[in-house]
Amino acid sequence: ERLGLGPETCLRRNPGLIYGRVTGW
């Protein structure tokens, strides 16, 4: 999100995007 590449921004650009994110917690 701080880079300007968060889900909201990316899905607005590409509504069919599958945004996969993996974290520990």
PDBML (XML) file of the C-alpha atoms, coordinates in Angstrom:
<?xml version="1.0" encoding="UTF-8" ?>
<PDBx:datablock datablockName="MODEL"
   xmlns:PDBx="http://pdbml.pdb.org/schema/pdbx-v50.xsd"
   xmlns:xsi="http://www.w3.org/2001/XMLSchema-instance"
   xsi:schemaLocation="http://pdbml.pdb.org/schema/pdbx-v50.xsd pdbx-v50.xsd">
   <PDBx:atom_siteCategory>
      <PDBx:atom_site id="1">
         <PDBx:B_iso_or_equiv>0.00</PDBx:B_iso_or_equiv>
         <PDBx:Cartn_x>0.000</PDBx:Cartn_x>
         <PDBx:Cartn_y>0.000</PDBx:Cartn_y>
         <PDBx:Cartn_z>0.000</PDBx:Cartn_z>
         <PDBx:auth_asym_id>A</PDBx:auth_asym_id>
         <PDBx:auth_atom_id>CA</PDBx:auth_atom_id>
         <PDBx:auth_comp_id>GLU</PDBx:auth_comp_id>
         <PDBx:auth_seq_id>1</PDBx:auth_seq_id>
         <PDBx:group_PDB>ATOM</PDBx:group_PDB>
         <PDBx:label_alt_id xsi:nil="true" />
         <PDBx:label_asym_id>A</PDBx:label_asym_id>
         <PDBx:label_atom_id>CA</PDBx:label_atom_id>
         <PDBx:label_comp_id>GLU</PDBx:label_comp_id>
         <PDBx:label_entity_id>1</PDBx:label_entity_id>
         <PDBx:label_seq_id>1</PDBx:label_seq_id>
         <PDBx:occupancy>1.00</PDBx:occupancy>
         <PDBx:pdbx_PDB_model_num>1</PDBx:pdbx_PDB_model_num>
         <PDBx:type_symbol>C</PDBx:type_symbol>
      </PDBx:atom_site>
      <PDBx:atom_site id="2">
         <PDBx:B_iso_or_equiv>0.00</PDBx:B_iso_or_equiv>
         <PDBx:Cartn_x>2.811</PDBx:Cartn_x>
         <PDBx:Cartn_y>2.439</PDBx:Cartn_y>
         <PDBx:Cartn_z>0.857</PDBx:Cartn_z>
         <PDBx:auth_asym_id>A</PDBx:auth_asym_id>
         <PDBx:auth_atom_id>CA</PDBx:auth_atom_id>
         <PDBx:auth_comp_id>ARG</PDBx:auth_comp_id>
         <PDBx:auth_seq_id>2</PDBx:auth_seq_id>
         <PDBx:group_PDB>ATOM</PDBx:group_PDB>
         <PDBx:label_alt_id xsi:nil="true" />
         <PDBx:label_asym_id>A</PDBx:label_asym_id>
         <PDBx:label_atom_id>CA</PDBx:label_atom_id>
         <PDBx:label_comp_id>ARG</PDBx:label_comp_id>
         <PDBx:label_entity_id>1</PDBx:label_entity_id>
         <PDBx:label_seq_id>2</PDBx:label_seq_id>
         <PDBx:occupancy>1.00</PDBx:occupancy>
         <PDBx:pdbx_PDB_model_num>1</PDBx:pdbx_PDB_model_num>
         <PDBx:type_symbol>C</PDBx:type_symbol>
      </PDBx:atom_site>
      <PDBx:atom_site id="3">
         <PDBx:B_iso_or_equiv>0.00</PDBx:B_iso_or_equiv>
         <PDBx:Cartn_x>4.448</PDBx:Cartn_x>
         <PDBx:Cartn_y>1.684</PDBx:Cartn_y>
         <PDBx:Cartn_z>-2.496</PDBx:Cartn_z>
         <PDBx:auth_asym_id>A</PDBx:auth_asym_id>
         <PDBx:auth_atom_id>CA</PDBx:auth_atom_id>
         <PDBx:auth_comp_id>LEU</PDBx:auth_comp_id>
         <PDBx:auth_seq_id>3</PDBx:auth_seq_id>
         <PDBx:group_PDB>ATOM</PDBx:group_PDB>
         <PDBx:label_alt_id xsi:nil="true" />
         <PDBx:label_asym_id>A</PDBx:label_asym_id>
         <PDBx:label_atom_id>CA</PDBx:label_atom_id>
         <PDBx:label_comp_id>LEU</PDBx:label_comp_id>
         <PDBx:label_entity_id>1</PDBx:label_entity_id>
         <PDBx:label_seq_id>3</PDBx:label_seq_id>
         <PDBx:occupancy>1.00</PDBx:occupancy>
         <PDBx:pdbx_PDB_model_num>1</PDBx:pdbx_PDB_model_num>
         <PDBx:type_symbol>C</PDBx:type_symbol>
      </PDBx:atom_site>
      <PDBx:atom_site id="4">
         <PDBx:B_iso_or_equiv>0.00</PDBx:B_iso_or_equiv>
         <PDBx:Cartn_x>1.210</PDBx:Cartn_x>
         <PDBx:Cartn_y>2.568</PDBx:Cartn_y>
         <PDBx:Cartn_z>-4.269</PDBx:Cartn_z>
         <PDBx:auth_asym_id>A</PDBx:auth_asym_id>
         <PDBx:auth_atom_id>CA</PDBx:auth_atom_id>
         <PDBx:auth_comp_id>GLY</PDBx:auth_comp_id>
         <PDBx:auth_seq_id>4</PDBx:auth_seq_id>
         <PDBx:group_PDB>ATOM</PDBx:group_PDB>
         <PDBx:label_alt_id xsi:nil="true" />
         <PDBx:label_asym_id>A</PDBx:label_asym_id>
         <PDBx:label_atom_id>CA</PDBx:label_atom_id>
         <PDBx:label_comp_id>GLY</PDBx:label_comp_id>
         <PDBx:label_entity_id>1</PDBx:label_entity_id>
         <PDBx:label_seq_id>4</PDBx:label_seq_id>
         <PDBx:occupancy>1.00</PDBx:occupancy>
         <PDBx:pdbx_PDB_model_num>1</PDBx:pdbx_PDB_model_num>
         <PDBx:type_symbol>C</PDBx:type_symbol>
      </PDBx:atom_site>
      <PDBx:atom_site id="5">
         <PDBx:B_iso_or_equiv>0.00</PDBx:B_iso_or_equiv>
         <PDBx:Cartn_x>0.643</PDBx:Cartn_x>
         <PDBx:Cartn_y>-1.067</PDBx:Cartn_y>
         <PDBx:Cartn_z>-5.291</PDBx:Cartn_z>
         <PDBx:auth_asym_id>A</PDBx:auth_asym_id>
         <PDBx:auth_atom_id>CA</PDBx:auth_atom_id>
         <PDBx:auth_comp_id>LEU</PDBx:auth_comp_id>
         <PDBx:auth_seq_id>5</PDBx:auth_seq_id>
         <PDBx:group_PDB>ATOM</PDBx:group_PDB>
         <PDBx:label_alt_id xsi:nil="true" />
         <PDBx:label_asym_id>A</PDBx:label_asym_id>
         <PDBx:label_atom_id>CA</PDBx:label_atom_id>
         <PDBx:label_comp_id>LEU</PDBx:label_comp_id>
         <PDBx:label_entity_id>1</PDBx:label_entity_id>
         <PDBx:label_seq_id>5</PDBx:label_seq_id>
         <PDBx:occupancy>1.00</PDBx:occupancy>
         <PDBx:pdbx_PDB_model_num>1</PDBx:pdbx_PDB_model_num>
         <PDBx:type_symbol>C</PDBx:type_symbol>
      </PDBx:atom_site>
      <PDBx:atom_site id="6">
         <PDBx:B_iso_or_equiv>0.00</PDBx:B_iso_or_equiv>
         <PDBx:Cartn_x>-1.965</PDBx:Cartn_x>
         <PDBx:Cartn_y>-2.149</PDBx:Cartn_y>
         <PDBx:Cartn_z>-2.758</PDBx:Cartn_z>
         <PDBx:auth_asym_id>A</PDBx:auth_asym_id>
         <PDBx:auth_atom_id>CA</PDBx:auth_atom_id>
         <PDBx:auth_comp_id>GLY</PDBx:auth_comp_id>
         <PDBx:auth_seq_id>6</PDBx:auth_seq_id>
         <PDBx:group_PDB>ATOM</PDBx:group_PDB>
         <PDBx:label_alt_id xsi:nil="true" />
         <PDBx:label_asym_id>A</PDBx:label_asym_id>
         <PDBx:label_atom_id>CA</PDBx:label_atom_id>
         <PDBx:label_comp_id>GLY</PDBx:label_comp_id>
         <PDBx:label_entity_id>1</PDBx:label_entity_id>
         <PDBx:label_seq_id>6</PDBx:label_seq_id>
         <PDBx:occupancy>1.00</PDBx:occupancy>
         <PDBx:pdbx_PDB_model_num>1</PDBx:pdbx_PDB_model_num>
         <PDBx:type_symbol>C</PDBx:type_symbol>
      </PDBx:atom_site>
      <PDBx:atom_site id="7">
         <PDBx:B_iso_or_equiv>0.00</PDBx:B_iso_or_equiv>
         <PDBx:Cartn_x>-5.007</PDBx:Cartn_x>
         <PDBx:Cartn_y>-4.255</PDBx:Cartn_y>
         <PDBx:Cartn_z>-3.669</PDBx:Cartn_z>
         <PDBx:auth_asym_id>A</PDBx:auth_asym_id>
         <PDBx:auth_atom_id>CA</PDBx:auth_atom_id>
         <PDBx:auth_comp_id>PRO</PDBx:auth_comp_id>
         <PDBx:auth_seq_id>7</PDBx:auth_seq_id>
         <PDBx:group_PDB>ATOM</PDBx:group_PDB>
         <PDBx:label_alt_id xsi:nil="true" />
         <PDBx:label_asym_id>A</PDBx:label_asym_id>
         <PDBx:label_atom_id>CA</PDBx:label_atom_id>
         <PDBx:label_comp_id>PRO</PDBx:label_comp_id>
         <PDBx:label_entity_id>1</PDBx:label_entity_id>
         <PDBx:label_seq_id>7</PDBx:label_seq_id>
         <PDBx:occupancy>1.00</PDBx:occupancy>
         <PDBx:pdbx_PDB_model_num>1</PDBx:pdbx_PDB_model_num>
         <PDBx:type_symbol>C</PDBx:type_symbol>
      </PDBx:atom_site>
      <PDBx:atom_site id="8">
         <PDBx:B_iso_or_equiv>0.00</PDBx:B_iso_or_equiv>
         <PDBx:Cartn_x>-7.360</PDBx:Cartn_x>
         <PDBx:Cartn_y>-1.302</PDBx:Cartn_y>
         <PDBx:Cartn_z>-4.099</PDBx:Cartn_z>
         <PDBx:auth_asym_id>A</PDBx:auth_asym_id>
         <PDBx:auth_atom_id>CA</PDBx:auth_atom_id>
         <PDBx:auth_comp_id>GLU</PDBx:auth_comp_id>
         <PDBx:auth_seq_id>8</PDBx:auth_seq_id>
         <PDBx:group_PDB>ATOM</PDBx:group_PDB>
         <PDBx:label_alt_id xsi:nil="true" />
         <PDBx:label_asym_id>A</PDBx:label_asym_id>
         <PDBx:label_atom_id>CA</PDBx:label_atom_id>
         <PDBx:label_comp_id>GLU</PDBx:label_comp_id>
         <PDBx:label_entity_id>1</PDBx:label_entity_id>
         <PDBx:label_seq_id>8</PDBx:label_seq_id>
         <PDBx:occupancy>1.00</PDBx:occupancy>
         <PDBx:pdbx_PDB_model_num>1</PDBx:pdbx_PDB_model_num>
         <PDBx:type_symbol>C</PDBx:type_symbol>
      </PDBx:atom_site>
      <PDBx:atom_site id="9">
         <PDBx:B_iso_or_equiv>0.00</PDBx:B_iso_or_equiv>
         <PDBx:Cartn_x>-5.056</PDBx:Cartn_x>
         <PDBx:Cartn_y>0.397</PDBx:Cartn_y>
         <PDBx:Cartn_z>-6.600</PDBx:Cartn_z>
         <PDBx:auth_asym_id>A</PDBx:auth_asym_id>
         <PDBx:auth_atom_id>CA</PDBx:auth_atom_id>
         <PDBx:auth_comp_id>THR</PDBx:auth_comp_id>
         <PDBx:auth_seq_id>9</PDBx:auth_seq_id>
         <PDBx:group_PDB>ATOM</PDBx:group_PDB>
         <PDBx:label_alt_id xsi:nil="true" />
         <PDBx:label_asym_id>A</PDBx:label_asym_id>
         <PDBx:label_atom_id>CA</PDBx:label_atom_id>
         <PDBx:label_comp_id>THR</PDBx:label_comp_id>
         <PDBx:label_entity_id>1</PDBx:label_entity_id>
         <PDBx:label_seq_id>9</PDBx:label_seq_id>
         <PDBx:occupancy>1.00</PDBx:occupancy>
         <PDBx:pdbx_PDB_model_num>1</PDBx:pdbx_PDB_model_num>
         <PDBx:type_symbol>C</PDBx:type_symbol>
      </PDBx:atom_site>
      <PDBx:atom_site id="10">
         <PDBx:B_iso_or_equiv>0.00</PDBx:B_iso_or_equiv>
         <PDBx:Cartn_x>-4.247</PDBx:Cartn_x>
         <PDBx:Cartn_y>-2.782</PDBx:Cartn_y>
         <PDBx:Cartn_z>-8.516</PDBx:Cartn_z>
         <PDBx:auth_asym_id>A</PDBx:auth_asym_id>
         <PDBx:auth_atom_id>CA</PDBx:auth_atom_id>
         <PDBx:auth_comp_id>CYS</PDBx:auth_comp_id>
         <PDBx:auth_seq_id>10</PDBx:auth_seq_id>
         <PDBx:group_PDB>ATOM</PDBx:group_PDB>
         <PDBx:label_alt_id xsi:nil="true" />
         <PDBx:label_asym_id>A</PDBx:label_asym_id>
         <PDBx:label_atom_id>CA</PDBx:label_atom_id>
         <PDBx:label_comp_id>CYS</PDBx:label_comp_id>
         <PDBx:label_entity_id>1</PDBx:label_entity_id>
         <PDBx:label_seq_id>10</PDBx:label_seq_id>
         <PDBx:occupancy>1.00</PDBx:occupancy>
         <PDBx:pdbx_PDB_model_num>1</PDBx:pdbx_PDB_model_num>
         <PDBx:type_symbol>C</PDBx:type_symbol>
      </PDBx:atom_site>
      <PDBx:atom_site id="11">
         <PDBx:B_iso_or_equiv>0.00</PDBx:B_iso_or_equiv>
         <PDBx:Cartn_x>-7.845</PDBx:Cartn_x>
         <PDBx:Cartn_y>-4.041</PDBx:Cartn_y>
         <PDBx:Cartn_z>-8.682</PDBx:Cartn_z>
         <PDBx:auth_asym_id>A</PDBx:auth_asym_id>
         <PDBx:auth_atom_id>CA</PDBx:auth_atom_id>
         <PDBx:auth_comp_id>LEU</PDBx:auth_comp_id>
         <PDBx:auth_seq_id>11</PDBx:auth_seq_id>
         <PDBx:group_PDB>ATOM</PDBx:group_PDB>
         <PDBx:label_alt_id xsi:nil="true" />
         <PDBx:label_asym_id>A</PDBx:label_asym_id>
         <PDBx:label_atom_id>CA</PDBx:label_atom_id>
         <PDBx:label_comp_id>LEU</PDBx:label_comp_id>
         <PDBx:label_entity_id>1</PDBx:label_entity_id>
         <PDBx:label_seq_id>11</PDBx:label_seq_id>
         <PDBx:occupancy>1.00</PDBx:occupancy>
         <PDBx:pdbx_PDB_model_num>1</PDBx:pdbx_PDB_model_num>
         <PDBx:type_symbol>C</PDBx:type_symbol>
      </PDBx:atom_site>
      <PDBx:atom_site id="12">
         <PDBx:B_iso_or_equiv>0.00</PDBx:B_iso_or_equiv>
         <PDBx:Cartn_x>-8.996</PDBx:Cartn_x>
         <PDBx:Cartn_y>-0.638</PDBx:Cartn_y>
         <PDBx:Cartn_z>-9.891</PDBx:Cartn_z>
         <PDBx:auth_asym_id>A</PDBx:auth_asym_id>
         <PDBx:auth_atom_id>CA</PDBx:auth_atom_id>
         <PDBx:auth_comp_id>ARG</PDBx:auth_comp_id>
         <PDBx:auth_seq_id>12</PDBx:auth_seq_id>
         <PDBx:group_PDB>ATOM</PDBx:group_PDB>
         <PDBx:label_alt_id xsi:nil="true" />
         <PDBx:label_asym_id>A</PDBx:label_asym_id>
         <PDBx:label_atom_id>CA</PDBx:label_atom_id>
         <PDBx:label_comp_id>ARG</PDBx:label_comp_id>
         <PDBx:label_entity_id>1</PDBx:label_entity_id>
         <PDBx:label_seq_id>12</PDBx:label_seq_id>
         <PDBx:occupancy>1.00</PDBx:occupancy>
         <PDBx:pdbx_PDB_model_num>1</PDBx:pdbx_PDB_model_num>
         <PDBx:type_symbol>C</PDBx:type_symbol>
      </PDBx:atom_site>
      <PDBx:atom_site id="13">
         <PDBx:B_iso_or_equiv>0.00</PDBx:B_iso_or_equiv>
         <PDBx:Cartn_x>-6.488</PDBx:Cartn_x>
         <PDBx:Cartn_y>-0.962</PDBx:Cartn_y>
         <PDBx:Cartn_z>-12.735</PDBx:Cartn_z>
         <PDBx:auth_asym_id>A</PDBx:auth_asym_id>
         <PDBx:auth_atom_id>CA</PDBx:auth_atom_id>
         <PDBx:auth_comp_id>ARG</PDBx:auth_comp_id>
         <PDBx:auth_seq_id>13</PDBx:auth_seq_id>
         <PDBx:group_PDB>ATOM</PDBx:group_PDB>
         <PDBx:label_alt_id xsi:nil="true" />
         <PDBx:label_asym_id>A</PDBx:label_asym_id>
         <PDBx:label_atom_id>CA</PDBx:label_atom_id>
         <PDBx:label_comp_id>ARG</PDBx:label_comp_id>
         <PDBx:label_entity_id>1</PDBx:label_entity_id>
         <PDBx:label_seq_id>13</PDBx:label_seq_id>
         <PDBx:occupancy>1.00</PDBx:occupancy>
         <PDBx:pdbx_PDB_model_num>1</PDBx:pdbx_PDB_model_num>
         <PDBx:type_symbol>C</PDBx:type_symbol>
      </PDBx:atom_site>
      <PDBx:atom_site id="14">
         <PDBx:B_iso_or_equiv>0.00</PDBx:B_iso_or_equiv>
         <PDBx:Cartn_x>-7.281</PDBx:Cartn_x>
         <PDBx:Cartn_y>-4.647</PDBx:Cartn_y>
         <PDBx:Cartn_z>-13.364</PDBx:Cartn_z>
         <PDBx:auth_asym_id>A</PDBx:auth_asym_id>
         <PDBx:auth_atom_id>CA</PDBx:auth_atom_id>
         <PDBx:auth_comp_id>ASN</PDBx:auth_comp_id>
         <PDBx:auth_seq_id>14</PDBx:auth_seq_id>
         <PDBx:group_PDB>ATOM</PDBx:group_PDB>
         <PDBx:label_alt_id xsi:nil="true" />
         <PDBx:label_asym_id>A</PDBx:label_asym_id>
         <PDBx:label_atom_id>CA</PDBx:label_atom_id>
         <PDBx:label_comp_id>ASN</PDBx:label_comp_id>
         <PDBx:label_entity_id>1</PDBx:label_entity_id>
         <PDBx:label_seq_id>14</PDBx:label_seq_id>
         <PDBx:occupancy>1.00</PDBx:occupancy>
         <PDBx:pdbx_PDB_model_num>1</PDBx:pdbx_PDB_model_num>
         <PDBx:type_symbol>C</PDBx:type_symbol>
      </PDBx:atom_site>
      <PDBx:atom_site id="15">
         <PDBx:B_iso_or_equiv>0.00</PDBx:B_iso_or_equiv>
         <PDBx:Cartn_x>-10.692</PDBx:Cartn_x>
         <PDBx:Cartn_y>-5.691</PDBx:Cartn_y>
         <PDBx:Cartn_z>-11.930</PDBx:Cartn_z>
         <PDBx:auth_asym_id>A</PDBx:auth_asym_id>
         <PDBx:auth_atom_id>CA</PDBx:auth_atom_id>
         <PDBx:auth_comp_id>PRO</PDBx:auth_comp_id>
         <PDBx:auth_seq_id>15</PDBx:auth_seq_id>
         <PDBx:group_PDB>ATOM</PDBx:group_PDB>
         <PDBx:label_alt_id xsi:nil="true" />
         <PDBx:label_asym_id>A</PDBx:label_asym_id>
         <PDBx:label_atom_id>CA</PDBx:label_atom_id>
         <PDBx:label_comp_id>PRO</PDBx:label_comp_id>
         <PDBx:label_entity_id>1</PDBx:label_entity_id>
         <PDBx:label_seq_id>15</PDBx:label_seq_id>
         <PDBx:occupancy>1.00</PDBx:occupancy>
         <PDBx:pdbx_PDB_model_num>1</PDBx:pdbx_PDB_model_num>
         <PDBx:type_symbol>C</PDBx:type_symbol>
      </PDBx:atom_site>
      <PDBx:atom_site id="16">
         <PDBx:B_iso_or_equiv>0.00</PDBx:B_iso_or_equiv>
         <PDBx:Cartn_x>-10.077</PDBx:Cartn_x>
         <PDBx:Cartn_y>-9.366</PDBx:Cartn_y>
         <PDBx:Cartn_z>-12.723</PDBx:Cartn_z>
         <PDBx:auth_asym_id>A</PDBx:auth_asym_id>
         <PDBx:auth_atom_id>CA</PDBx:auth_atom_id>
         <PDBx:auth_comp_id>GLY</PDBx:auth_comp_id>
         <PDBx:auth_seq_id>16</PDBx:auth_seq_id>
         <PDBx:group_PDB>ATOM</PDBx:group_PDB>
         <PDBx:label_alt_id xsi:nil="true" />
         <PDBx:label_asym_id>A</PDBx:label_asym_id>
         <PDBx:label_atom_id>CA</PDBx:label_atom_id>
         <PDBx:label_comp_id>GLY</PDBx:label_comp_id>
         <PDBx:label_entity_id>1</PDBx:label_entity_id>
         <PDBx:label_seq_id>16</PDBx:label_seq_id>
         <PDBx:occupancy>1.00</PDBx:occupancy>
         <PDBx:pdbx_PDB_model_num>1</PDBx:pdbx_PDB_model_num>
         <PDBx:type_symbol>C</PDBx:type_symbol>
      </PDBx:atom_site>
      <PDBx:atom_site id="17">
         <PDBx:B_iso_or_equiv>0.00</PDBx:B_iso_or_equiv>
         <PDBx:Cartn_x>-6.762</PDBx:Cartn_x>
         <PDBx:Cartn_y>-9.525</PDBx:Cartn_y>
         <PDBx:Cartn_z>-10.860</PDBx:Cartn_z>
         <PDBx:auth_asym_id>A</PDBx:auth_asym_id>
         <PDBx:auth_atom_id>CA</PDBx:auth_atom_id>
         <PDBx:auth_comp_id>LEU</PDBx:auth_comp_id>
         <PDBx:auth_seq_id>17</PDBx:auth_seq_id>
         <PDBx:group_PDB>ATOM</PDBx:group_PDB>
         <PDBx:label_alt_id xsi:nil="true" />
         <PDBx:label_asym_id>A</PDBx:label_asym_id>
         <PDBx:label_atom_id>CA</PDBx:label_atom_id>
         <PDBx:label_comp_id>LEU</PDBx:label_comp_id>
         <PDBx:label_entity_id>1</PDBx:label_entity_id>
         <PDBx:label_seq_id>17</PDBx:label_seq_id>
         <PDBx:occupancy>1.00</PDBx:occupancy>
         <PDBx:pdbx_PDB_model_num>1</PDBx:pdbx_PDB_model_num>
         <PDBx:type_symbol>C</PDBx:type_symbol>
      </PDBx:atom_site>
      <PDBx:atom_site id="18">
         <PDBx:B_iso_or_equiv>0.00</PDBx:B_iso_or_equiv>
         <PDBx:Cartn_x>-6.134</PDBx:Cartn_x>
         <PDBx:Cartn_y>-12.246</PDBx:Cartn_y>
         <PDBx:Cartn_z>-8.263</PDBx:Cartn_z>
         <PDBx:auth_asym_id>A</PDBx:auth_asym_id>
         <PDBx:auth_atom_id>CA</PDBx:auth_atom_id>
         <PDBx:auth_comp_id>ILE</PDBx:auth_comp_id>
         <PDBx:auth_seq_id>18</PDBx:auth_seq_id>
         <PDBx:group_PDB>ATOM</PDBx:group_PDB>
         <PDBx:label_alt_id xsi:nil="true" />
         <PDBx:label_asym_id>A</PDBx:label_asym_id>
         <PDBx:label_atom_id>CA</PDBx:label_atom_id>
         <PDBx:label_comp_id>ILE</PDBx:label_comp_id>
         <PDBx:label_entity_id>1</PDBx:label_entity_id>
         <PDBx:label_seq_id>18</PDBx:label_seq_id>
         <PDBx:occupancy>1.00</PDBx:occupancy>
         <PDBx:pdbx_PDB_model_num>1</PDBx:pdbx_PDB_model_num>
         <PDBx:type_symbol>C</PDBx:type_symbol>
      </PDBx:atom_site>
      <PDBx:atom_site id="19">
         <PDBx:B_iso_or_equiv>0.00</PDBx:B_iso_or_equiv>
         <PDBx:Cartn_x>-4.011</PDBx:Cartn_x>
         <PDBx:Cartn_y>-10.495</PDBx:Cartn_y>
         <PDBx:Cartn_z>-5.651</PDBx:Cartn_z>
         <PDBx:auth_asym_id>A</PDBx:auth_asym_id>
         <PDBx:auth_atom_id>CA</PDBx:auth_atom_id>
         <PDBx:auth_comp_id>TYR</PDBx:auth_comp_id>
         <PDBx:auth_seq_id>19</PDBx:auth_seq_id>
         <PDBx:group_PDB>ATOM</PDBx:group_PDB>
         <PDBx:label_alt_id xsi:nil="true" />
         <PDBx:label_asym_id>A</PDBx:label_asym_id>
         <PDBx:label_atom_id>CA</PDBx:label_atom_id>
         <PDBx:label_comp_id>TYR</PDBx:label_comp_id>
         <PDBx:label_entity_id>1</PDBx:label_entity_id>
         <PDBx:label_seq_id>19</PDBx:label_seq_id>
         <PDBx:occupancy>1.00</PDBx:occupancy>
         <PDBx:pdbx_PDB_model_num>1</PDBx:pdbx_PDB_model_num>
         <PDBx:type_symbol>C</PDBx:type_symbol>
      </PDBx:atom_site>
      <PDBx:atom_site id="20">
         <PDBx:B_iso_or_equiv>0.00</PDBx:B_iso_or_equiv>
         <PDBx:Cartn_x>-2.089</PDBx:Cartn_x>
         <PDBx:Cartn_y>-13.157</PDBx:Cartn_y>
         <PDBx:Cartn_z>-3.719</PDBx:Cartn_z>
         <PDBx:auth_asym_id>A</PDBx:auth_asym_id>
         <PDBx:auth_atom_id>CA</PDBx:auth_atom_id>
         <PDBx:auth_comp_id>GLY</PDBx:auth_comp_id>
         <PDBx:auth_seq_id>20</PDBx:auth_seq_id>
         <PDBx:group_PDB>ATOM</PDBx:group_PDB>
         <PDBx:label_alt_id xsi:nil="true" />
         <PDBx:label_asym_id>A</PDBx:label_asym_id>
         <PDBx:label_atom_id>CA</PDBx:label_atom_id>
         <PDBx:label_comp_id>GLY</PDBx:label_comp_id>
         <PDBx:label_entity_id>1</PDBx:label_entity_id>
         <PDBx:label_seq_id>20</PDBx:label_seq_id>
         <PDBx:occupancy>1.00</PDBx:occupancy>
         <PDBx:pdbx_PDB_model_num>1</PDBx:pdbx_PDB_model_num>
         <PDBx:type_symbol>C</PDBx:type_symbol>
      </PDBx:atom_site>
      <PDBx:atom_site id="21">
         <PDBx:B_iso_or_equiv>0.00</PDBx:B_iso_or_equiv>
         <PDBx:Cartn_x>-0.407</PDBx:Cartn_x>
         <PDBx:Cartn_y>-12.105</PDBx:Cartn_y>
         <PDBx:Cartn_z>-0.505</PDBx:Cartn_z>
         <PDBx:auth_asym_id>A</PDBx:auth_asym_id>
         <PDBx:auth_atom_id>CA</PDBx:auth_atom_id>
         <PDBx:auth_comp_id>ARG</PDBx:auth_comp_id>
         <PDBx:auth_seq_id>21</PDBx:auth_seq_id>
         <PDBx:group_PDB>ATOM</PDBx:group_PDB>
         <PDBx:label_alt_id xsi:nil="true" />
         <PDBx:label_asym_id>A</PDBx:label_asym_id>
         <PDBx:label_atom_id>CA</PDBx:label_atom_id>
         <PDBx:label_comp_id>ARG</PDBx:label_comp_id>
         <PDBx:label_entity_id>1</PDBx:label_entity_id>
         <PDBx:label_seq_id>21</PDBx:label_seq_id>
         <PDBx:occupancy>1.00</PDBx:occupancy>
         <PDBx:pdbx_PDB_model_num>1</PDBx:pdbx_PDB_model_num>
         <PDBx:type_symbol>C</PDBx:type_symbol>
      </PDBx:atom_site>
      <PDBx:atom_site id="22">
         <PDBx:B_iso_or_equiv>0.00</PDBx:B_iso_or_equiv>
         <PDBx:Cartn_x>1.317</PDBx:Cartn_x>
         <PDBx:Cartn_y>-14.303</PDBx:Cartn_y>
         <PDBx:Cartn_z>2.062</PDBx:Cartn_z>
         <PDBx:auth_asym_id>A</PDBx:auth_asym_id>
         <PDBx:auth_atom_id>CA</PDBx:auth_atom_id>
         <PDBx:auth_comp_id>VAL</PDBx:auth_comp_id>
         <PDBx:auth_seq_id>22</PDBx:auth_seq_id>
         <PDBx:group_PDB>ATOM</PDBx:group_PDB>
         <PDBx:label_alt_id xsi:nil="true" />
         <PDBx:label_asym_id>A</PDBx:label_asym_id>
         <PDBx:label_atom_id>CA</PDBx:label_atom_id>
         <PDBx:label_comp_id>VAL</PDBx:label_comp_id>
         <PDBx:label_entity_id>1</PDBx:label_entity_id>
         <PDBx:label_seq_id>22</PDBx:label_seq_id>
         <PDBx:occupancy>1.00</PDBx:occupancy>
         <PDBx:pdbx_PDB_model_num>1</PDBx:pdbx_PDB_model_num>
         <PDBx:type_symbol>C</PDBx:type_symbol>
      </PDBx:atom_site>
      <PDBx:atom_site id="23">
         <PDBx:B_iso_or_equiv>0.00</PDBx:B_iso_or_equiv>
         <PDBx:Cartn_x>2.473</PDBx:Cartn_x>
         <PDBx:Cartn_y>-13.305</PDBx:Cartn_y>
         <PDBx:Cartn_z>5.537</PDBx:Cartn_z>
         <PDBx:auth_asym_id>A</PDBx:auth_asym_id>
         <PDBx:auth_atom_id>CA</PDBx:auth_atom_id>
         <PDBx:auth_comp_id>THR</PDBx:auth_comp_id>
         <PDBx:auth_seq_id>23</PDBx:auth_seq_id>
         <PDBx:group_PDB>ATOM</PDBx:group_PDB>
         <PDBx:label_alt_id xsi:nil="true" />
         <PDBx:label_asym_id>A</PDBx:label_asym_id>
         <PDBx:label_atom_id>CA</PDBx:label_atom_id>
         <PDBx:label_comp_id>THR</PDBx:label_comp_id>
         <PDBx:label_entity_id>1</PDBx:label_entity_id>
         <PDBx:label_seq_id>23</PDBx:label_seq_id>
         <PDBx:occupancy>1.00</PDBx:occupancy>
         <PDBx:pdbx_PDB_model_num>1</PDBx:pdbx_PDB_model_num>
         <PDBx:type_symbol>C</PDBx:type_symbol>
      </PDBx:atom_site>
      <PDBx:atom_site id="24">
         <PDBx:B_iso_or_equiv>0.00</PDBx:B_iso_or_equiv>
         <PDBx:Cartn_x>3.254</PDBx:Cartn_x>
         <PDBx:Cartn_y>-15.081</PDBx:Cartn_y>
         <PDBx:Cartn_z>8.783</PDBx:Cartn_z>
         <PDBx:auth_asym_id>A</PDBx:auth_asym_id>
         <PDBx:auth_atom_id>CA</PDBx:auth_atom_id>
         <PDBx:auth_comp_id>GLY</PDBx:auth_comp_id>
         <PDBx:auth_seq_id>24</PDBx:auth_seq_id>
         <PDBx:group_PDB>ATOM</PDBx:group_PDB>
         <PDBx:label_alt_id xsi:nil="true" />
         <PDBx:label_asym_id>A</PDBx:label_asym_id>
         <PDBx:label_atom_id>CA</PDBx:label_atom_id>
         <PDBx:label_comp_id>GLY</PDBx:label_comp_id>
         <PDBx:label_entity_id>1</PDBx:label_entity_id>
         <PDBx:label_seq_id>24</PDBx:label_seq_id>
         <PDBx:occupancy>1.00</PDBx:occupancy>
         <PDBx:pdbx_PDB_model_num>1</PDBx:pdbx_PDB_model_num>
         <PDBx:type_symbol>C</PDBx:type_symbol>
      </PDBx:atom_site>
      <PDBx:atom_site id="25">
         <PDBx:B_iso_or_equiv>0.00</PDBx:B_iso_or_equiv>
         <PDBx:Cartn_x>0.715</PDBx:Cartn_x>
         <PDBx:Cartn_y>-13.513</PDBx:Cartn_y>
         <PDBx:Cartn_z>11.124</PDBx:Cartn_z>
         <PDBx:auth_asym_id>A</PDBx:auth_asym_id>
         <PDBx:auth_atom_id>CA</PDBx:auth_atom_id>
         <PDBx:auth_comp_id>TRP</PDBx:auth_comp_id>
         <PDBx:auth_seq_id>25</PDBx:auth_seq_id>
         <PDBx:group_PDB>ATOM</PDBx:group_PDB>
         <PDBx:label_alt_id xsi:nil="true" />
         <PDBx:label_asym_id>A</PDBx:label_asym_id>
         <PDBx:label_atom_id>CA</PDBx:label_atom_id>
         <PDBx:label_comp_id>TRP</PDBx:label_comp_id>
         <PDBx:label_entity_id>1</PDBx:label_entity_id>
         <PDBx:label_seq_id>25</PDBx:label_seq_id>
         <PDBx:occupancy>1.00</PDBx:occupancy>
         <PDBx:pdbx_PDB_model_num>1</PDBx:pdbx_PDB_model_num>
         <PDBx:type_symbol>C</PDBx:type_symbol>
      </PDBx:atom_site>
   </PDBx:atom_siteCategory>
</PDBx:datablock>
